[in-house]
Amino acid sequence: MKVEFDLNGKPHKLDVDAAMPLLWALRDEVGLTGTKFGCGIGQCGACTVHMDGIAMRSCSLPVAAVQGRTITTIEGISAQGLHALQEAWIEEDVPQCGYCQTGQIMAAAAMLAQNPNPSDETIDQTMSNLCRCGTYNRIRKAIHRAAAAMPTPPAEEAKP
């Protein structure tokens, strides 16, 4: 199947089996290896990418589903330099083994796009990615640090 989509801000075309998981298309066909394989059943979140700004588990998302969509991977999360979340991850020394962290950052970025100032409770409820090393407290601190560093989106003007 030929599929066309926007990948990290650029048009992209693939000719692969429609059922191929997006994870393997990104890693094996495109060569973007930041997105990780964890469980293969959409549970752990190591493979999290954004589809039209929504955090998605790419190991269980068939390539056919991205036709005409916008996909963002960890490699495309920031057009220039490090994203505020990546900087916060470094400053808070979040990773232990680090394997799940690209998925954690992608999930956090999608959450912050919807809620730029989340509470601890919101973070705990929204962040469903698993970390075998248990760095959840540092992840929460890094999300708060990034939220404080990110520009606040302008409020919509009141309509008459």
Protein backbone atom coordinates (compact mmCIF):
# COMPACT_ATOMS: atom_id res chain seq x y z
CA MET A 1 0.00 0.00 0.00
CA LYS A 2 1.19 3.49 -0.77
CA VAL A 3 0.60 5.85 2.12
CA GLU A 4 1.28 9.58 2.19
CA PHE A 5 1.52 11.55 5.41
CA ASP A 6 3.35 14.42 7.04
CA LEU A 7 6.31 13.19 9.11
CA ASN A 8 8.03 15.65 11.42
CA GLY A 9 6.92 18.59 9.29
CA LYS A 10 7.74 17.14 5.87
CA PRO A 11 5.65 15.21 3.35
CA HIS A 12 6.51 11.52 3.31
CA LYS A 13 5.53 8.50 1.23
CA LEU A 14 5.85 4.82 2.04
CA ASP A 15 5.00 1.74 0.01
CA VAL A 16 4.58 -1.01 2.60
CA ASP A 17 2.04 -3.57 3.76
CA ALA A 18 -1.01 -1.66 5.07
CA ALA A 19 -1.01 -3.74 8.27
CA MET A 20 2.64 -2.99 9.13
CA PRO A 21 2.77 -1.26 12.52
CA LEU A 22 3.82 2.37 12.21
CA LEU A 23 6.64 1.67 14.70
CA TRP A 24 8.38 -0.68 12.27
CA ALA A 25 7.76 1.61 9.30
CA LEU A 26 9.40 4.48 11.19
CA ARG A 27 12.35 2.41 12.39
CA ASP A 28 12.98 0.05 9.47
CA GLU A 29 11.72 1.95 6.44
CA VAL A 30 12.41 5.57 7.42
CA GLY A 31 15.38 5.05 9.76
CA LEU A 32 14.02 7.02 12.73
CA THR A 33 15.05 4.89 15.68
CA GLY A 34 14.13 7.21 18.56
CA THR A 35 10.73 5.54 18.85
CA LYS A 36 11.30 2.32 20.81
CA PHE A 37 9.76 -1.15 20.81
CA GLY A 38 8.67 -2.18 24.27
CA CYS A 39 5.80 -4.63 24.47
CA GLY A 40 4.26 -4.80 20.99
CA ILE A 41 0.69 -4.63 22.30
CA GLY A 42 0.27 -0.91 23.02
CA GLN A 43 0.57 -1.22 26.79
CA CYS A 44 3.96 0.21 27.82
CA GLY A 45 4.15 3.39 25.72
CA ALA A 46 7.82 3.18 24.68
CA CYS A 47 6.59 3.54 21.09
CA THR A 48 4.53 6.73 21.67
CA VAL A 49 4.35 9.20 18.78
CA HIS A 50 1.87 11.94 17.96
CA MET A 51 -0.78 11.56 15.28
CA ASP A 52 -2.38 14.94 14.63
CA GLY A 53 -1.10 16.03 18.05
CA ILE A 54 -2.57 13.07 19.96
CA ALA A 55 -0.28 10.60 21.72
CA MET A 56 -0.58 7.20 20.01
CA ARG A 57 1.09 3.83 20.54
CA SER A 58 2.80 3.19 17.21
CA CYS A 59 3.38 -0.54 17.80
CA SER A 60 -0.34 -1.20 17.41
CA LEU A 61 -1.15 1.51 14.84
CA PRO A 62 -1.19 0.17 11.27
CA VAL A 63 0.49 2.30 8.61
CA ALA A 64 -2.83 2.50 6.76
CA ALA A 65 -4.21 4.60 9.62
CA VAL A 66 -1.74 7.45 9.02
CA GLN A 67 -2.83 8.20 5.45
CA GLY A 68 -3.16 12.00 5.18
CA ARG A 69 -2.29 12.49 8.86
CA THR A 70 0.49 14.36 10.65
CA ILE A 71 2.96 12.18 12.56
CA THR A 72 5.54 13.58 14.97
CA THR A 73 8.28 11.46 16.49
CA ILE A 74 10.84 12.34 19.14
CA GLU A 75 13.16 13.40 16.31
CA GLY A 76 10.64 16.05 15.24
CA ILE A 77 9.33 17.28 18.58
CA SER A 78 11.35 20.50 18.36
CA ALA A 79 12.21 22.38 15.19
CA GLN A 80 15.28 23.90 16.78
CA GLY A 81 17.35 22.60 19.67
CA LEU A 82 15.90 20.69 22.54
CA HIS A 83 12.22 20.83 23.46
CA ALA A 84 11.49 22.23 26.95
CA LEU A 85 10.61 18.69 28.05
CA GLN A 86 13.94 17.33 26.85
CA GLU A 87 15.74 20.09 28.74
CA ALA A 88 13.69 19.40 31.87
CA TRP A 89 14.39 15.66 31.56
CA ILE A 90 18.12 16.44 31.60
CA GLU A 91 17.89 18.99 34.42
CA GLU A 92 15.84 16.63 36.61
CA ASP A 93 18.07 13.66 35.73
CA VAL A 94 14.94 11.66 34.86
CA PRO A 95 16.29 8.64 32.96
CA GLN A 96 17.73 5.69 34.76
CA CYS A 97 18.03 3.10 31.98
CA GLY A 98 16.38 5.60 29.60
CA TYR A 99 14.66 3.09 27.33
CA CYS A 100 11.10 4.35 27.87
CA GLN A 101 11.97 8.02 28.02
CA THR A 102 11.28 9.02 24.40
CA GLY A 103 7.76 7.63 24.79
CA GLN A 104 7.40 9.39 28.14
CA ILE A 105 8.44 12.72 26.60
CA MET A 106 6.05 12.29 23.67
CA ALA A 107 3.16 11.48 26.03
CA ALA A 108 4.04 14.47 28.23
CA ALA A 109 4.23 16.80 25.22
CA ALA A 110 0.74 15.78 24.07
CA MET A 111 -0.57 16.28 27.60
CA LEU A 112 1.00 19.75 27.92
CA ALA A 113 -0.45 20.77 24.56
CA GLN A 114 -3.91 20.09 26.05
CA ASN A 115 -3.19 21.26 29.59
CA PRO A 116 -0.20 23.64 29.88
CA ASN A 117 -0.29 23.66 33.70
CA PRO A 118 -1.26 20.16 34.92
CA SER A 119 -1.63 19.23 38.57
CA ASP A 120 0.14 16.21 40.04
CA GLU A 121 -3.17 14.35 39.90
CA THR A 122 -3.63 15.17 36.19
CA ILE A 123 -0.09 14.04 35.42
CA ASP A 124 -0.59 10.78 37.33
CA GLN A 125 -3.90 10.10 35.55
CA THR A 126 -2.71 11.10 32.07
CA MET A 127 0.77 9.60 31.96
CA SER A 128 0.03 5.92 31.37
CA ASN A 129 3.45 4.99 29.97
CA LEU A 130 5.34 2.43 32.01
CA CYS A 131 8.84 2.85 33.42
CA ARG A 132 10.51 -0.30 34.73
CA CYS A 133 13.00 1.83 36.66
CA GLY A 134 10.22 3.68 38.49
CA THR A 135 11.30 7.25 37.70
CA TYR A 136 7.73 8.53 37.98
CA ASN A 137 8.50 11.17 40.63
CA ARG A 138 11.30 12.61 38.49
CA ILE A 139 9.05 12.48 35.41
CA ARG A 140 6.40 14.48 37.30
CA LYS A 141 9.00 17.05 38.42
CA ALA A 142 10.32 17.38 34.87
CA ILE A 143 6.82 17.90 33.48
CA HIS A 144 6.22 20.71 35.98
CA ARG A 145 9.60 22.25 35.14
CA ALA A 146 8.87 22.10 31.41
CA ALA A 147 5.37 23.52 31.89
CA ALA A 148 6.84 26.51 33.73
CA ALA A 149 9.43 27.04 30.98
CA MET A 150 7.07 26.74 28.02
CA PRO A 151 5.35 29.81 26.63
CA THR A 152 1.69 29.99 27.57
CA PRO A 153 -0.57 29.83 24.53
CA PRO A 154 -2.54 33.05 23.97
CA ALA A 155 -6.07 33.02 25.31
CA GLU A 156 -8.84 33.13 22.74
CA GLU A 157 -10.45 36.50 22.35
CA ALA A 158 -13.95 36.77 23.75
CA LYS A 159 -16.61 36.64 21.07
CA PRO A 160 -19.46 39.14 21.22
